[in-house]
Amino acid sequence: MSLPLAEEETGLAPGLPLELADDRESIKITGFWMFLVTDVLIFASLFASYAVYRSRVALAPGPAQVFHYGPVLLETLLLLTSSFTVGLAIWAMRTGRTRMLFFWLAATLVLGAGFVTSEIHDFTSMVGQGLTWHQSAFLSAFYVLVGTHGAHVTFGIVWAVTLLFQVARRGITPVTARKLYTFSLYWHFLDIVWVFIFTFVYLGGKIG
């Protein structure tokens, strides 16, 4: 079994994982970190808006009446588990286990799809009860914040599918390794954002 480590690749810096060994790919990872910083600013502004408007319920129900723990706990379990599986996918990539990489990346994809499906079901259930975004400023801020996160997860699922095809076609190379690694950074970022959503929005809504 050939390990995709830098010392086994001609022209790559020794002693580094494959995704960091090529200078051109390493620079792209740095650029992706900058992209994540801009995403942090986007979510920070959405959290700030929600903090301002969560008490503006007008005649509609407030957070304590709207939120239900069942779907949220399921979504949290699915997304946090997917953070573990994407970590295993990167481990498989770095040790040259292509089949294991496929398995763990596919597992991440399935868990992410389960998260999005549960969230869509939760949203449609709320809308069916008349809890639409225009009922109050609180509901508007809630749908925008949580929906933006859900849209990010949906994009991540599409990204994971394209990575599966690229690895199947090209194998584990410095380019595909860099793409897999940046995907894992993106996915872990979404997990962190969800922890804040779960704590600040859902738990805070029940307590507040």
N, C-alpha and C. Protein backbone atom coordinates (compact mmCIF):
# COMPACT_ATOMS: atom_id res chain seq x y z
N MET A 1 0.84 -1.19 0.00
CA MET A 1 0.00 0.00 0.00
C MET A 1 0.88 1.24 0.00
N SER A 2 0.60 2.16 -0.90
CA SER A 2 1.39 3.37 -1.02
C SER A 2 0.74 4.49 -0.22
N LEU A 3 1.53 5.10 0.66
CA LEU A 3 1.01 6.18 1.48
C LEU A 3 1.17 7.50 0.74
N PRO A 4 0.12 8.33 0.69
CA PRO A 4 0.20 9.58 -0.03
C PRO A 4 0.87 10.66 0.80
N LEU A 5 2.11 10.41 1.26
CA LEU A 5 2.83 11.38 2.04
C LEU A 5 3.85 12.08 1.18
N ALA A 6 4.25 13.27 1.62
CA ALA A 6 5.08 14.11 0.80
C ALA A 6 6.39 13.46 0.41
N GLU A 7 7.02 12.70 1.34
CA GLU A 7 8.33 12.15 1.06
C GLU A 7 8.28 11.09 -0.04
N GLU A 8 7.10 10.62 -0.39
CA GLU A 8 6.99 9.62 -1.44
C GLU A 8 6.68 10.27 -2.79
N GLU A 9 6.55 11.58 -2.84
CA GLU A 9 6.20 12.27 -4.06
C GLU A 9 7.37 13.13 -4.52
N THR A 10 7.74 13.04 -5.78
CA THR A 10 8.83 13.82 -6.33
C THR A 10 8.45 15.29 -6.39
N GLY A 11 9.36 16.14 -5.95
CA GLY A 11 9.12 17.58 -6.03
C GLY A 11 8.25 18.14 -4.93
N LEU A 12 7.87 17.35 -3.95
CA LEU A 12 7.03 17.83 -2.86
C LEU A 12 7.86 17.95 -1.59
N ALA A 13 7.45 18.86 -0.75
CA ALA A 13 8.18 19.07 0.50
C ALA A 13 8.05 17.84 1.39
N PRO A 14 9.17 17.36 1.95
CA PRO A 14 9.12 16.15 2.78
C PRO A 14 8.51 16.41 4.15
N GLY A 15 7.92 15.36 4.71
CA GLY A 15 7.43 15.41 6.08
C GLY A 15 6.09 16.07 6.26
N LEU A 16 5.40 16.39 5.16
CA LEU A 16 4.10 17.04 5.26
C LEU A 16 3.01 16.16 4.63
N PRO A 17 1.77 16.29 5.11
CA PRO A 17 0.67 15.59 4.43
C PRO A 17 0.58 16.04 2.98
N LEU A 18 0.00 15.21 2.14
CA LEU A 18 -0.01 15.46 0.71
C LEU A 18 -0.65 16.80 0.35
N GLU A 19 -1.72 17.17 1.05
CA GLU A 19 -2.43 18.41 0.70
C GLU A 19 -1.63 19.66 1.03
N LEU A 20 -0.60 19.53 1.88
CA LEU A 20 0.22 20.67 2.28
C LEU A 20 1.60 20.65 1.64
N ALA A 21 1.95 19.56 0.98
CA ALA A 21 3.31 19.39 0.49
C ALA A 21 3.60 20.18 -0.77
N ASP A 22 2.59 20.40 -1.60
CA ASP A 22 2.75 21.18 -2.82
C ASP A 22 2.48 22.65 -2.50
N ASP A 23 3.45 23.53 -2.81
CA ASP A 23 3.32 24.94 -2.45
C ASP A 23 2.10 25.59 -3.08
N ARG A 24 1.81 25.25 -4.34
CA ARG A 24 0.66 25.86 -5.01
C ARG A 24 -0.65 25.46 -4.35
N GLU A 25 -0.76 24.19 -3.98
CA GLU A 25 -1.98 23.73 -3.31
C GLU A 25 -2.08 24.29 -1.89
N SER A 26 -0.93 24.41 -1.22
CA SER A 26 -0.92 24.95 0.14
C SER A 26 -1.39 26.40 0.16
N ILE A 27 -1.01 27.17 -0.86
CA ILE A 27 -1.46 28.56 -0.95
C ILE A 27 -2.98 28.62 -1.12
N LYS A 28 -3.52 27.70 -1.89
CA LYS A 28 -4.97 27.66 -2.09
C LYS A 28 -5.70 27.36 -0.78
N ILE A 29 -5.09 26.54 0.07
CA ILE A 29 -5.70 26.27 1.38
C ILE A 29 -5.72 27.53 2.22
N THR A 30 -4.62 28.31 2.16
CA THR A 30 -4.59 29.59 2.87
C THR A 30 -5.69 30.51 2.38
N GLY A 31 -5.88 30.54 1.05
CA GLY A 31 -6.97 31.34 0.49
C GLY A 31 -8.33 30.89 0.97
N PHE A 32 -8.49 29.58 1.15
CA PHE A 32 -9.78 29.08 1.63
C PHE A 32 -10.03 29.49 3.07
N TRP A 33 -8.99 29.55 3.87
CA TRP A 33 -9.15 30.05 5.23
C TRP A 33 -9.69 31.49 5.21
N MET A 34 -9.21 32.28 4.25
CA MET A 34 -9.71 33.66 4.13
C MET A 34 -11.19 33.67 3.76
N PHE A 35 -11.59 32.74 2.90
CA PHE A 35 -13.01 32.63 2.57
C PHE A 35 -13.83 32.31 3.81
N LEU A 36 -13.33 31.40 4.64
CA LEU A 36 -14.06 31.06 5.86
C LEU A 36 -14.20 32.26 6.79
N VAL A 37 -13.20 33.13 6.79
CA VAL A 37 -13.30 34.35 7.61
C VAL A 37 -14.47 35.20 7.14
N THR A 38 -14.65 35.32 5.83
CA THR A 38 -15.80 36.09 5.33
C THR A 38 -17.11 35.44 5.71
N ASP A 39 -17.14 34.10 5.72
CA ASP A 39 -18.34 33.39 6.14
C ASP A 39 -18.62 33.60 7.63
N VAL A 40 -17.57 33.69 8.42
CA VAL A 40 -17.73 34.00 9.85
C VAL A 40 -18.42 35.35 10.01
N LEU A 41 -18.01 36.32 9.21
CA LEU A 41 -18.62 37.65 9.29
C LEU A 41 -20.09 37.61 8.90
N ILE A 42 -20.42 36.80 7.87
CA ILE A 42 -21.81 36.68 7.45
C ILE A 42 -22.66 36.12 8.58
N PHE A 43 -22.20 35.02 9.17
CA PHE A 43 -22.99 34.41 10.24
C PHE A 43 -23.01 35.28 11.49
N ALA A 44 -21.92 36.00 11.75
CA ALA A 44 -21.91 36.90 12.91
C ALA A 44 -22.99 37.97 12.76
N SER A 45 -23.15 38.50 11.54
CA SER A 45 -24.18 39.51 11.32
C SER A 45 -25.59 38.91 11.46
N LEU A 46 -25.75 37.67 11.02
CA LEU A 46 -27.06 37.02 11.15
C LEU A 46 -27.39 36.71 12.61
N PHE A 47 -26.38 36.28 13.37
CA PHE A 47 -26.60 36.06 14.81
C PHE A 47 -26.94 37.37 15.51
N ALA A 48 -26.26 38.46 15.12
CA ALA A 48 -26.54 39.75 15.74
C ALA A 48 -27.96 40.20 15.42
N SER A 49 -28.39 40.00 14.18
CA SER A 49 -29.76 40.36 13.81
C SER A 49 -30.78 39.54 14.60
N TYR A 50 -30.49 38.25 14.74
CA TYR A 50 -31.41 37.40 15.51
C TYR A 50 -31.47 37.85 16.97
N ALA A 51 -30.32 38.22 17.54
CA ALA A 51 -30.29 38.66 18.93
C ALA A 51 -31.17 39.89 19.14
N VAL A 52 -31.20 40.76 18.14
CA VAL A 52 -32.01 41.98 18.23
C VAL A 52 -33.49 41.67 18.09
N TYR A 53 -33.83 40.75 17.17
CA TYR A 53 -35.23 40.55 16.80
C TYR A 53 -35.91 39.36 17.47
N ARG A 54 -35.20 38.57 18.24
CA ARG A 54 -35.84 37.37 18.78
C ARG A 54 -36.95 37.68 19.77
N SER A 55 -36.96 38.87 20.34
CA SER A 55 -38.04 39.25 21.25
C SER A 55 -39.17 40.00 20.54
N ARG A 56 -38.99 40.27 19.26
CA ARG A 56 -40.01 40.99 18.49
C ARG A 56 -40.97 39.97 17.86
N VAL A 57 -41.90 39.50 18.65
CA VAL A 57 -42.77 38.41 18.20
C VAL A 57 -44.13 38.89 17.71
N ALA A 58 -44.43 40.19 17.92
CA ALA A 58 -45.72 40.74 17.53
C ALA A 58 -46.84 39.91 18.16
N LEU A 59 -47.79 39.43 17.36
CA LEU A 59 -48.89 38.61 17.88
C LEU A 59 -48.64 37.12 17.66
N ALA A 60 -47.49 36.79 17.09
CA ALA A 60 -47.15 35.39 16.81
C ALA A 60 -46.51 34.75 18.03
N PRO A 61 -46.43 33.42 18.08
CA PRO A 61 -45.77 32.74 19.19
C PRO A 61 -44.29 33.09 19.27
N GLY A 62 -43.73 33.01 20.47
CA GLY A 62 -42.31 33.27 20.67
C GLY A 62 -41.49 32.00 20.56
N PRO A 63 -40.17 32.10 20.77
CA PRO A 63 -39.28 30.94 20.64
C PRO A 63 -39.70 29.76 21.50
N ALA A 64 -40.12 30.00 22.73
CA ALA A 64 -40.46 28.90 23.63
C ALA A 64 -41.64 28.08 23.11
N GLN A 65 -42.54 28.72 22.37
CA GLN A 65 -43.70 28.02 21.83
C GLN A 65 -43.42 27.38 20.47
N VAL A 66 -42.46 27.93 19.74
CA VAL A 66 -42.19 27.49 18.37
C VAL A 66 -41.26 26.29 18.32
N PHE A 67 -40.20 26.31 19.13
CA PHE A 67 -39.16 25.31 19.01
C PHE A 67 -39.53 24.01 19.70
N HIS A 68 -39.15 22.89 19.06
CA HIS A 68 -39.33 21.55 19.61
C HIS A 68 -38.00 20.83 19.57
N TYR A 69 -37.66 20.17 20.66
CA TYR A 69 -36.33 19.58 20.79
C TYR A 69 -36.12 18.33 19.93
N GLY A 70 -37.19 17.59 19.64
CA GLY A 70 -37.03 16.34 18.90
C GLY A 70 -36.27 16.48 17.60
N PRO A 71 -36.79 17.25 16.64
CA PRO A 71 -36.07 17.42 15.37
C PRO A 71 -34.70 18.05 15.53
N VAL A 72 -34.58 19.00 16.44
CA VAL A 72 -33.31 19.70 16.62
C VAL A 72 -32.23 18.76 17.16
N LEU A 73 -32.59 17.90 18.11
CA LEU A 73 -31.63 16.95 18.65
C LEU A 73 -31.20 15.95 17.58
N LEU A 74 -32.14 15.51 16.75
CA LEU A 74 -31.80 14.61 15.65
C LEU A 74 -30.84 15.29 14.68
N GLU A 75 -31.13 16.53 14.31
CA GLU A 75 -30.26 17.26 13.39
C GLU A 75 -28.88 17.46 14.00
N THR A 76 -28.82 17.74 15.29
CA THR A 76 -27.53 17.91 15.96
C THR A 76 -26.73 16.62 15.95
N LEU A 77 -27.39 15.51 16.24
CA LEU A 77 -26.71 14.21 16.23
C LEU A 77 -26.17 13.89 14.84
N LEU A 78 -26.97 14.13 13.81
CA LEU A 78 -26.55 13.83 12.44
C LEU A 78 -25.35 14.68 12.03
N LEU A 79 -25.41 15.96 12.32
CA LEU A 79 -24.35 16.85 11.85
C LEU A 79 -23.05 16.64 12.63
N LEU A 80 -23.14 16.46 13.94
CA LEU A 80 -21.92 16.23 14.72
C LEU A 80 -21.29 14.88 14.38
N THR A 81 -22.11 13.88 14.09
CA THR A 81 -21.55 12.60 13.65
C THR A 81 -20.86 12.74 12.31
N SER A 82 -21.43 13.56 11.43
CA SER A 82 -20.80 13.77 10.12
C SER A 82 -19.45 14.47 10.24
N SER A 83 -19.27 15.25 11.29
CA SER A 83 -17.96 15.87 11.53
C SER A 83 -16.91 14.80 11.85
N PHE A 84 -17.34 13.76 12.56
CA PHE A 84 -16.45 12.64 12.87
C PHE A 84 -16.12 11.84 11.62
N THR A 85 -17.12 11.58 10.79
CA THR A 85 -16.89 10.78 9.59
C THR A 85 -16.02 11.51 8.57
N VAL A 86 -16.16 12.83 8.46
CA VAL A 86 -15.31 13.55 7.52
C VAL A 86 -13.86 13.56 8.02
N GLY A 87 -13.67 13.55 9.33
CA GLY A 87 -12.33 13.42 9.88
C GLY A 87 -11.72 12.07 9.53
N LEU A 88 -12.52 11.02 9.58
CA LEU A 88 -12.05 9.69 9.19
C LEU A 88 -11.74 9.64 7.70
N ALA A 89 -12.50 10.38 6.89
CA ALA A 89 -12.23 10.43 5.45
C ALA A 89 -10.87 11.06 5.19
N ILE A 90 -10.53 12.11 5.91
CA ILE A 90 -9.21 12.74 5.73
C ILE A 90 -8.11 11.80 6.21
N TRP A 91 -8.34 11.07 7.29
CA TRP A 91 -7.36 10.07 7.75
C TRP A 91 -7.14 9.01 6.68
N ALA A 92 -8.23 8.54 6.06
CA ALA A 92 -8.11 7.54 5.01
C ALA A 92 -7.34 8.11 3.81
N MET A 93 -7.59 9.36 3.49
CA MET A 93 -6.89 10.00 2.38
C MET A 93 -5.39 10.06 2.65
N ARG A 94 -5.02 10.44 3.86
CA ARG A 94 -3.60 10.60 4.19
C ARG A 94 -2.86 9.27 4.29
N THR A 95 -3.59 8.20 4.48
CA THR A 95 -2.95 6.88 4.58
C THR A 95 -3.14 6.05 3.32
N GLY A 96 -3.68 6.67 2.26
CA GLY A 96 -3.78 6.00 0.98
C GLY A 96 -4.88 4.97 0.88
N ARG A 97 -5.85 4.98 1.78
CA ARG A 97 -6.94 4.00 1.75
C ARG A 97 -8.11 4.58 0.95
N THR A 98 -8.08 4.39 -0.36
CA THR A 98 -9.07 5.01 -1.23
C THR A 98 -10.48 4.49 -0.95
N ARG A 99 -10.62 3.19 -0.74
CA ARG A 99 -11.95 2.64 -0.47
C ARG A 99 -12.52 3.18 0.83
N MET A 100 -11.67 3.26 1.85
CA MET A 100 -12.12 3.82 3.12
C MET A 100 -12.50 5.29 2.97
N LEU A 101 -11.73 5.99 2.14
CA LEU A 101 -12.04 7.39 1.87
C LEU A 101 -13.43 7.51 1.25
N PHE A 102 -13.72 6.68 0.26
CA PHE A 102 -15.03 6.69 -0.36
C PHE A 102 -16.13 6.40 0.67
N PHE A 103 -15.88 5.41 1.51
CA PHE A 103 -16.90 5.01 2.48
C PHE A 103 -17.22 6.14 3.45
N TRP A 104 -16.18 6.74 4.04
CA TRP A 104 -16.40 7.77 5.04
C TRP A 104 -16.93 9.07 4.44
N LEU A 105 -16.49 9.38 3.22
CA LEU A 105 -17.02 10.58 2.57
C LEU A 105 -18.49 10.37 2.19
N ALA A 106 -18.82 9.18 1.73
CA ALA A 106 -20.22 8.87 1.42
C ALA A 106 -21.07 8.90 2.69
N ALA A 107 -20.52 8.41 3.80
CA ALA A 107 -21.25 8.46 5.08
C ALA A 107 -21.50 9.90 5.49
N THR A 108 -20.51 10.75 5.29
CA THR A 108 -20.68 12.18 5.59
C THR A 108 -21.79 12.77 4.75
N LEU A 109 -21.82 12.40 3.47
CA LEU A 109 -22.84 12.88 2.55
C LEU A 109 -24.23 12.45 3.01
N VAL A 110 -24.37 11.19 3.40
CA VAL A 110 -25.68 10.67 3.82
C VAL A 110 -26.15 11.36 5.11
N LEU A 111 -25.24 11.55 6.06
CA LEU A 111 -25.59 12.22 7.30
C LEU A 111 -26.00 13.67 7.04
N GLY A 112 -25.25 14.33 6.16
CA GLY A 112 -25.61 15.71 5.81
C GLY A 112 -26.96 15.78 5.13
N ALA A 113 -27.25 14.82 4.25
CA ALA A 113 -28.55 14.79 3.58
C ALA A 113 -29.67 14.55 4.60
N GLY A 114 -29.40 13.71 5.59
CA GLY A 114 -30.39 13.48 6.65
C GLY A 114 -30.65 14.74 7.44
N PHE A 115 -29.60 15.51 7.70
CA PHE A 115 -29.75 16.78 8.41
C PHE A 115 -30.64 17.74 7.63
N VAL A 116 -30.34 17.90 6.35
CA VAL A 116 -31.12 18.83 5.52
C VAL A 116 -32.57 18.37 5.41
N THR A 117 -32.77 17.07 5.23
CA THR A 117 -34.13 16.54 5.13
C THR A 117 -34.93 16.82 6.40
N SER A 118 -34.31 16.59 7.55
CA SER A 118 -34.99 16.84 8.82
C SER A 118 -35.29 18.33 8.98
N GLU A 119 -34.36 19.18 8.58
CA GLU A 119 -34.58 20.62 8.72
C GLU A 119 -35.70 21.10 7.80
N ILE A 120 -35.71 20.59 6.57
CA ILE A 120 -36.80 20.96 5.64
C ILE A 120 -38.15 20.51 6.20
N HIS A 121 -38.18 19.30 6.75
CA HIS A 121 -39.43 18.80 7.35
C HIS A 121 -39.86 19.67 8.51
N ASP A 122 -38.89 20.11 9.32
CA ASP A 122 -39.20 20.98 10.46
C ASP A 122 -39.75 22.33 9.98
N PHE A 123 -39.13 22.88 8.93
CA PHE A 123 -39.58 24.16 8.39
C PHE A 123 -41.00 24.04 7.81
N THR A 124 -41.22 22.99 7.03
CA THR A 124 -42.55 22.83 6.41
C THR A 124 -43.62 22.60 7.47
N SER A 125 -43.26 21.91 8.55
CA SER A 125 -44.20 21.72 9.65
C SER A 125 -44.57 23.05 10.30
N MET A 126 -43.57 23.91 10.48
CA MET A 126 -43.81 25.23 11.07
C MET A 126 -44.69 26.07 10.14
N VAL A 127 -44.38 26.03 8.85
CA VAL A 127 -45.18 26.79 7.88
C VAL A 127 -46.61 26.27 7.86
N GLY A 128 -46.77 24.95 7.97
CA GLY A 128 -48.11 24.37 8.02
C GLY A 128 -48.92 24.82 9.21
N GLN A 129 -48.23 25.24 10.28
CA GLN A 129 -48.91 25.76 11.46
C GLN A 129 -49.13 27.27 11.37
N GLY A 130 -48.78 27.84 10.22
CA GLY A 130 -48.95 29.27 10.05
C GLY A 130 -47.79 30.10 10.53
N LEU A 131 -46.67 29.45 10.91
CA LEU A 131 -45.50 30.16 11.42
C LEU A 131 -44.56 30.49 10.26
N THR A 132 -44.98 31.42 9.42
CA THR A 132 -44.19 31.83 8.27
C THR A 132 -43.29 33.00 8.64
N TRP A 133 -42.36 33.30 7.72
CA TRP A 133 -41.35 34.31 8.02
C TRP A 133 -41.93 35.71 8.21
N HIS A 134 -43.10 36.00 7.63
CA HIS A 134 -43.66 37.34 7.72
C HIS A 134 -44.57 37.53 8.93
N GLN A 135 -44.70 36.51 9.78
CA GLN A 135 -45.55 36.64 10.96
C GLN A 135 -44.95 37.56 12.01
N SER A 136 -43.61 37.58 12.10
CA SER A 136 -42.95 38.43 13.09
C SER A 136 -41.49 38.62 12.70
N ALA A 137 -40.86 39.63 13.29
CA ALA A 137 -39.43 39.86 13.06
C ALA A 137 -38.61 38.68 13.59
N PHE A 138 -39.06 38.10 14.70
CA PHE A 138 -38.37 36.93 15.25
C PHE A 138 -38.32 35.79 14.25
N LEU A 139 -39.47 35.46 13.64
CA LEU A 139 -39.51 34.36 12.69
C LEU A 139 -38.70 34.67 11.43
N SER A 140 -38.71 35.93 11.00
CA SER A 140 -37.90 36.32 9.85
C SER A 140 -36.42 36.09 10.13
N ALA A 141 -35.95 36.56 11.29
CA ALA A 141 -34.54 36.40 11.64
C ALA A 141 -34.18 34.93 11.82
N PHE A 142 -35.11 34.15 12.37
CA PHE A 142 -34.87 32.72 12.57
C PHE A 142 -34.70 32.00 11.24
N TYR A 143 -35.64 32.22 10.32
CA TYR A 143 -35.58 31.52 9.03
C TYR A 143 -34.34 31.91 8.24
N VAL A 144 -33.96 33.18 8.30
CA VAL A 144 -32.77 33.62 7.55
C VAL A 144 -31.51 32.99 8.12
N LEU A 145 -31.35 33.01 9.44
CA LEU A 145 -30.16 32.45 10.07
C LEU A 145 -30.05 30.95 9.85
N VAL A 146 -31.08 30.22 10.25
CA VAL A 146 -31.03 28.76 10.16
C VAL A 146 -31.08 28.31 8.69
N GLY A 147 -31.84 29.03 7.87
CA GLY A 147 -31.90 28.69 6.45
C GLY A 147 -30.59 28.91 5.73
N THR A 148 -29.87 29.96 6.11
CA THR A 148 -28.55 30.20 5.50
C THR A 148 -27.59 29.07 5.84
N HIS A 149 -27.64 28.61 7.08
CA HIS A 149 -26.80 27.47 7.46
C HIS A 149 -27.21 26.23 6.68
N GLY A 150 -28.51 25.99 6.56
CA GLY A 150 -28.97 24.83 5.80
C GLY A 150 -28.55 24.89 4.34
N ALA A 151 -28.56 26.09 3.77
CA ALA A 151 -28.12 26.26 2.38
C ALA A 151 -26.63 25.93 2.25
N HIS A 152 -25.85 26.31 3.25
CA HIS A 152 -24.42 25.98 3.25
C HIS A 152 -24.22 24.46 3.31
N VAL A 153 -25.00 23.78 4.14
CA VAL A 153 -24.89 22.33 4.23
C VAL A 153 -25.28 21.68 2.89
N THR A 154 -26.32 22.19 2.26
CA THR A 154 -26.74 21.67 0.96
C THR A 154 -25.63 21.82 -0.07
N PHE A 155 -25.00 22.98 -0.08
CA PHE A 155 -23.86 23.19 -0.98
C PHE A 155 -22.74 22.20 -0.67
N GLY A 156 -22.50 21.96 0.61
CA GLY A 156 -21.46 21.00 1.00
C GLY A 156 -21.76 19.60 0.50
N ILE A 157 -23.02 19.21 0.50
CA ILE A 157 -23.40 17.88 -0.01
C ILE A 157 -23.07 17.77 -1.50
N VAL A 158 -23.43 18.82 -2.26
CA VAL A 158 -23.13 18.83 -3.69
C VAL A 158 -21.62 18.77 -3.91
N TRP A 159 -20.88 19.51 -3.10
CA TRP A 159 -19.42 19.52 -3.17
C TRP A 159 -18.86 18.12 -2.91
N ALA A 160 -19.39 17.44 -1.90
CA ALA A 160 -18.92 16.09 -1.57
C ALA A 160 -19.16 15.11 -2.73
N VAL A 161 -20.30 15.26 -3.40
CA VAL A 161 -20.60 14.39 -4.55
C VAL A 161 -19.57 14.60 -5.65
N THR A 162 -19.24 15.87 -5.94
CA THR A 162 -18.25 16.13 -6.99
C THR A 162 -16.88 15.58 -6.61
N LEU A 163 -16.55 15.63 -5.31
CA LEU A 163 -15.26 15.09 -4.86
C LEU A 163 -15.20 13.58 -5.03
N LEU A 164 -16.30 12.91 -4.78
CA LEU A 164 -16.33 11.46 -4.99
C LEU A 164 -16.02 11.12 -6.45
N PHE A 165 -16.60 11.86 -7.37
CA PHE A 165 -16.34 11.62 -8.79
C PHE A 165 -14.89 11.94 -9.15
N GLN A 166 -14.34 13.02 -8.59
CA GLN A 166 -12.97 13.40 -8.92
C GLN A 166 -11.97 12.39 -8.40
N VAL A 167 -12.17 11.91 -7.19
CA VAL A 167 -11.25 10.91 -6.64
C VAL A 167 -11.37 9.59 -7.41
N ALA A 168 -12.58 9.23 -7.81
CA ALA A 168 -12.77 8.01 -8.58
C ALA A 168 -12.04 8.09 -9.92
N ARG A 169 -11.99 9.27 -10.48
CA ARG A 169 -11.38 9.44 -11.80
C ARG A 169 -9.87 9.66 -11.72
N ARG A 170 -9.41 10.44 -10.75
CA ARG A 170 -8.00 10.85 -10.71
C ARG A 170 -7.20 10.20 -9.59
N GLY A 171 -7.89 9.62 -8.61
CA GLY A 171 -7.19 9.06 -7.46
C GLY A 171 -6.80 10.14 -6.47
N ILE A 172 -5.96 9.77 -5.51
CA ILE A 172 -5.51 10.72 -4.48
C ILE A 172 -4.24 11.40 -4.98
N THR A 173 -4.37 12.65 -5.35
CA THR A 173 -3.26 13.46 -5.85
C THR A 173 -3.14 14.71 -4.97
N PRO A 174 -2.07 15.51 -5.14
CA PRO A 174 -2.01 16.76 -4.37
C PRO A 174 -3.22 17.66 -4.59
N VAL A 175 -3.78 17.65 -5.81
CA VAL A 175 -4.94 18.50 -6.10
C VAL A 175 -6.19 17.97 -5.42
N THR A 176 -6.48 16.68 -5.59
CA THR A 176 -7.69 16.12 -4.95
C THR A 176 -7.55 16.11 -3.43
N ALA A 177 -6.33 15.91 -2.93
CA ALA A 177 -6.11 15.94 -1.49
C ALA A 177 -6.41 17.32 -0.93
N ARG A 178 -5.98 18.35 -1.66
CA ARG A 178 -6.25 19.72 -1.22
C ARG A 178 -7.75 20.00 -1.23
N LYS A 179 -8.45 19.53 -2.25
CA LYS A 179 -9.90 19.75 -2.33
C LYS A 179 -10.62 19.03 -1.20
N LEU A 180 -10.20 17.81 -0.90
CA LEU A 180 -10.81 17.07 0.20
C LEU A 180 -10.55 17.76 1.54
N TYR A 181 -9.34 18.26 1.71
CA TYR A 181 -8.98 18.91 2.97
C TYR A 181 -9.78 20.20 3.16
N THR A 182 -9.90 21.02 2.08
CA THR A 182 -10.67 22.26 2.21
C THR A 182 -12.15 21.95 2.44
N PHE A 183 -12.64 20.88 1.83
CA PHE A 183 -14.01 20.48 2.12
C PHE A 183 -14.19 20.14 3.60
N SER A 184 -13.21 19.44 4.17
CA SER A 184 -13.32 19.07 5.59
C SER A 184 -13.30 20.32 6.47
N LEU A 185 -12.48 21.32 6.11
CA LEU A 185 -12.48 22.57 6.86
C LEU A 185 -13.85 23.23 6.80
N TYR A 186 -14.43 23.26 5.61
CA TYR A 186 -15.76 23.85 5.42
C TYR A 186 -16.81 23.11 6.25
N TRP A 187 -16.74 21.78 6.24
CA TRP A 187 -17.74 20.98 6.95
C TRP A 187 -17.61 21.16 8.46
N HIS A 188 -16.37 21.18 8.97
CA HIS A 188 -16.18 21.40 10.40
C HIS A 188 -16.67 22.80 10.80
N PHE A 189 -16.46 23.77 9.92
CA PHE A 189 -16.96 25.12 10.19
C PHE A 189 -18.47 25.12 10.34
N LEU A 190 -19.17 24.40 9.46
CA LEU A 190 -20.63 24.33 9.55
C LEU A 190 -21.08 23.66 10.84
N ASP A 191 -20.32 22.66 11.30
CA ASP A 191 -20.64 22.01 12.57
C ASP A 191 -20.52 22.99 13.72
N ILE A 192 -19.46 23.81 13.68
CA ILE A 192 -19.26 24.80 14.75
C ILE A 192 -20.40 25.82 14.75
N VAL A 193 -20.77 26.28 13.55
CA VAL A 193 -21.88 27.24 13.46
C VAL A 193 -23.17 26.62 14.02
N TRP A 194 -23.39 25.34 13.71
CA TRP A 194 -24.60 24.69 14.22
C TRP A 194 -24.60 24.60 15.74
N VAL A 195 -23.44 24.37 16.34
CA VAL A 195 -23.37 24.34 17.80
C VAL A 195 -23.83 25.67 18.37
N PHE A 196 -23.40 26.77 17.73
CA PHE A 196 -23.85 28.09 18.18
C PHE A 196 -25.35 28.28 17.95
N ILE A 197 -25.85 27.80 16.81
CA ILE A 197 -27.29 27.90 16.55
C ILE A 197 -28.07 27.10 17.59
N PHE A 198 -27.64 25.88 17.84
CA PHE A 198 -28.33 25.03 18.81
C PHE A 198 -28.34 25.68 20.19
N THR A 199 -27.19 26.25 20.58
CA THR A 199 -27.07 26.85 21.92
C THR A 199 -27.82 28.17 22.02
N PHE A 200 -27.53 29.07 21.09
CA PHE A 200 -28.04 30.42 21.17
C PHE A 200 -29.51 30.53 20.75
N VAL A 201 -29.86 29.84 19.66
CA VAL A 201 -31.22 29.96 19.12
C VAL A 201 -32.19 29.02 19.84
N TYR A 202 -31.88 27.72 19.82
CA TYR A 202 -32.84 26.75 20.34
C TYR A 202 -32.84 26.67 21.86
N LEU A 203 -31.66 26.43 22.46
CA LEU A 203 -31.61 26.38 23.92
C LEU A 203 -31.92 27.74 24.52
N GLY A 204 -31.37 28.80 23.93
CA GLY A 204 -31.63 30.15 24.43
C GLY A 204 -33.09 30.51 24.31
N GLY A 205 -33.76 29.99 23.26
CA GLY A 205 -35.18 30.29 23.10
C GLY A 205 -36.02 29.62 24.16
N LYS A 206 -35.64 28.43 24.56
CA LYS A 206 -36.38 27.72 25.61
C LYS A 206 -36.15 28.36 26.98
N ILE A 207 -34.89 28.71 27.21
CA ILE A 207 -34.56 29.29 28.52
C ILE A 207 -35.11 30.69 28.65
N GLY A 208 -34.94 31.46 27.53
CA GLY A 208 -35.39 32.85 27.56
C GLY A 208 -36.89 32.98 27.55
